[in-house]
Protein backbone atom coordinates (compact mmCIF):
# COMPACT_ATOMS: atom_id res chain seq x y z
CA MET A 1 105.68 99.76 92.66
CA ASP A 2 103.76 102.93 93.45
CA THR A 3 100.06 102.68 94.12
CA GLN A 4 98.04 105.68 93.05
CA ASN A 5 95.61 106.71 95.77
CA VAL A 6 92.36 108.47 94.92
CA ILE A 7 90.18 110.54 97.22
CA LEU A 8 86.51 110.73 96.24
CA HIS A 9 84.83 113.78 97.72
CA VAL A 10 81.17 113.66 98.76
CA ARG A 11 78.97 116.66 99.50
CA PHE A 12 75.58 116.31 101.19
CA ALA A 13 72.46 118.48 101.25
CA PRO A 14 71.09 119.47 104.67
CA ASN A 15 68.54 116.63 104.42
CA GLY A 16 71.33 114.03 104.02
CA THR A 17 71.01 113.31 100.32
CA VAL A 18 74.13 113.35 98.17
CA VAL A 19 74.52 116.48 96.04
CA GLU A 20 77.95 115.80 94.51
CA ILE A 21 80.40 112.89 94.49
CA SER A 22 83.61 112.53 92.49
CA GLU A 23 84.50 109.86 89.96
CA ARG A 24 80.82 109.09 89.37
CA PRO A 25 79.93 106.95 86.35
CA GLN A 26 77.63 108.93 84.04
CA SER A 27 74.90 106.30 84.26
CA LEU A 28 74.50 106.80 88.02
CA VAL A 29 72.95 109.66 89.96
CA PRO A 30 75.08 110.91 92.88
CA GLN A 31 72.99 109.16 95.55
CA ALA A 32 73.15 105.80 93.73
CA TRP A 33 76.97 106.01 93.39
CA PHE A 34 77.31 106.89 97.09
CA ASP A 35 74.99 104.01 98.09
CA PHE A 36 76.99 101.58 95.93
CA LEU A 37 80.32 102.75 97.35
CA SER A 38 78.96 102.64 100.90
CA ASP A 39 77.90 99.04 100.37
CA LYS A 40 81.13 97.89 98.70
CA ALA A 41 83.77 100.15 100.28
CA GLY A 42 82.16 101.65 103.36
CA ASP A 43 85.18 100.76 105.47
CA VAL A 44 87.27 103.42 103.68
CA TYR A 45 84.72 106.22 104.10
CA GLN A 46 85.48 109.12 106.42
CA ALA A 47 82.78 111.61 107.41
CA PHE A 48 83.64 115.28 107.91
CA ALA A 49 81.76 118.18 109.44
CA GLY A 50 79.79 120.49 107.21
CA GLY A 51 78.03 117.85 105.13
CA ARG A 52 81.13 116.39 103.53
CA GLY A 53 83.07 113.14 103.46
CA VAL A 54 85.63 111.16 101.47
CA PHE A 55 86.29 107.65 100.25
CA ARG A 56 90.01 106.75 100.08
CA LEU A 57 90.72 104.09 97.45
CA THR A 58 93.50 102.99 95.14
CA ARG A 59 93.02 103.65 91.42
CA THR A 60 92.75 99.87 90.85
CA GLU A 61 90.02 99.50 93.48
CA LEU A 62 88.11 102.47 92.09
CA ASP A 63 88.27 101.20 88.51
CA ALA A 64 86.98 97.78 89.62
CA LEU A 65 84.12 99.39 91.56
CA LYS A 66 83.16 101.56 88.58
CA GLN A 67 82.98 98.49 86.33
CA ALA A 68 80.91 96.60 88.91
CA ALA A 69 78.52 99.53 89.41
CA VAL A 70 77.54 100.07 85.80
CA PRO A 71 76.15 96.55 85.11
CA ALA A 72 74.34 96.65 88.47
CA VAL A 73 72.24 99.57 87.19
CA ALA A 74 71.73 98.41 83.60
């Protein structure tokens, strides 16, 4: 069985706040989605130079995190 891997790209402003992040639920601002992912899946985050980074997750993991994130905000 093939597992679909997903790479979520993060882009930061010079002051360290999140400007853009992929696969973000519409109900969350970019910083809130990054904070949630950092708390729940921080072990799969990789920082890059130039104010960028990525989370590497499977599609199943990402879908579960999205569902968990939305009720947490509501």
